[in-house]
Amino acid sequence: MKQGCKHINDIVNAQIPFIKRHLNKHKYFQHIADDNEAMADFIQKYGFAYREVYCEYVCKDKDCDFYKNLQVDK
């Protein structure tokens, strides 16, 4: 049975202040007027990198499938 991330809420909660700091610039450069649309676009484009950093350097639970899949490219 695959084990998903147990800390997805932690990742999202840690990501929110980062997104808020950069949202206005992202809206400007991507020509997006709506905050919600801009936030979804930001997460779609950069969320993978934030999750990898969180899993690699913050999370102490290294048994999930996502973390194990990160190790394949090393």
Protein backbone atom coordinates (compact mmCIF):
# COMPACT_ATOMS: atom_id res chain seq x y z
CA MET A 1 0.00 0.00 0.00
CA LYS A 2 1.37 3.40 -0.98
CA GLN A 3 1.93 5.85 1.82
CA GLY A 4 1.18 9.45 0.95
CA CYS A 5 2.42 12.54 2.67
CA LYS A 6 1.21 12.81 6.26
CA HIS A 7 2.33 16.41 6.45
CA ILE A 8 0.54 18.01 3.50
CA ASN A 9 -1.24 20.49 5.80
CA ASP A 10 2.11 21.48 7.28
CA ILE A 11 3.53 22.04 3.79
CA VAL A 12 0.57 24.17 2.74
CA ASN A 13 0.60 26.20 5.96
CA ALA A 14 4.33 26.85 5.60
CA GLN A 15 3.88 27.85 1.96
CA ILE A 16 1.14 30.45 2.52
CA PRO A 17 3.35 33.25 3.95
CA PHE A 18 5.88 32.69 1.16
CA ILE A 19 3.19 32.95 -1.52
CA LYS A 20 1.67 36.05 0.08
CA ARG A 21 5.07 37.80 0.06
CA HIS A 22 5.49 37.18 -3.67
CA LEU A 23 1.90 37.19 -4.93
CA ASN A 24 1.76 40.80 -6.14
CA LYS A 25 4.94 40.41 -8.17
CA HIS A 26 3.69 37.11 -9.58
CA LYS A 27 0.38 38.73 -10.55
CA TYR A 28 2.24 41.56 -12.27
CA PHE A 29 4.69 39.39 -14.22
CA GLN A 30 2.06 36.81 -15.20
CA HIS A 31 -0.59 39.44 -16.06
CA ILE A 32 -3.09 37.96 -13.62
CA ALA A 33 -5.54 40.29 -11.86
CA ASP A 34 -7.31 37.88 -9.52
CA ASP A 35 -5.58 36.86 -6.25
CA ASN A 36 -7.06 33.35 -6.22
CA GLU A 37 -6.11 32.70 -9.83
CA ALA A 38 -2.61 34.02 -9.18
CA MET A 39 -2.22 31.84 -6.09
CA ALA A 40 -3.31 28.74 -8.03
CA ASP A 41 -0.91 29.61 -10.84
CA PHE A 42 1.95 30.18 -8.38
CA ILE A 43 1.35 26.83 -6.69
CA GLN A 44 1.08 25.04 -10.03
CA LYS A 45 4.36 26.51 -11.26
CA TYR A 46 6.46 26.52 -8.09
CA GLY A 47 4.72 24.30 -5.55
CA PHE A 48 6.77 21.25 -6.49
CA ALA A 49 10.00 23.02 -5.53
CA TYR A 50 8.62 24.17 -2.19
CA ARG A 51 7.43 20.64 -1.42
CA GLU A 52 10.81 19.16 -2.28
CA VAL A 53 12.63 21.64 -0.05
CA TYR A 54 10.18 20.97 2.77
CA CYS A 55 10.49 17.19 2.44
CA GLU A 56 14.27 17.23 2.10
CA TYR A 57 15.21 19.74 4.80
CA VAL A 58 12.27 20.25 7.19
CA CYS A 59 10.29 17.02 7.43
CA LYS A 60 11.64 14.38 9.77
CA ASP A 61 9.41 11.59 8.37
CA LYS A 62 11.44 10.04 5.55
CA ASP A 63 9.21 6.96 5.06
CA CYS A 64 6.66 8.41 2.64
CA ASP A 65 6.60 7.45 -1.04
CA PHE A 66 7.04 11.05 -2.18
CA TYR A 67 10.33 11.41 -0.30
CA LYS A 68 11.55 8.02 -1.54
CA ASN A 69 10.79 9.11 -5.12
CA LEU A 70 12.89 12.24 -4.61
CA GLN A 71 15.88 10.02 -3.93
CA VAL A 72 15.74 8.34 -7.36
CA ASP A 73 17.51 11.22 -9.16
CA LYS A 74 20.40 11.47 -6.70
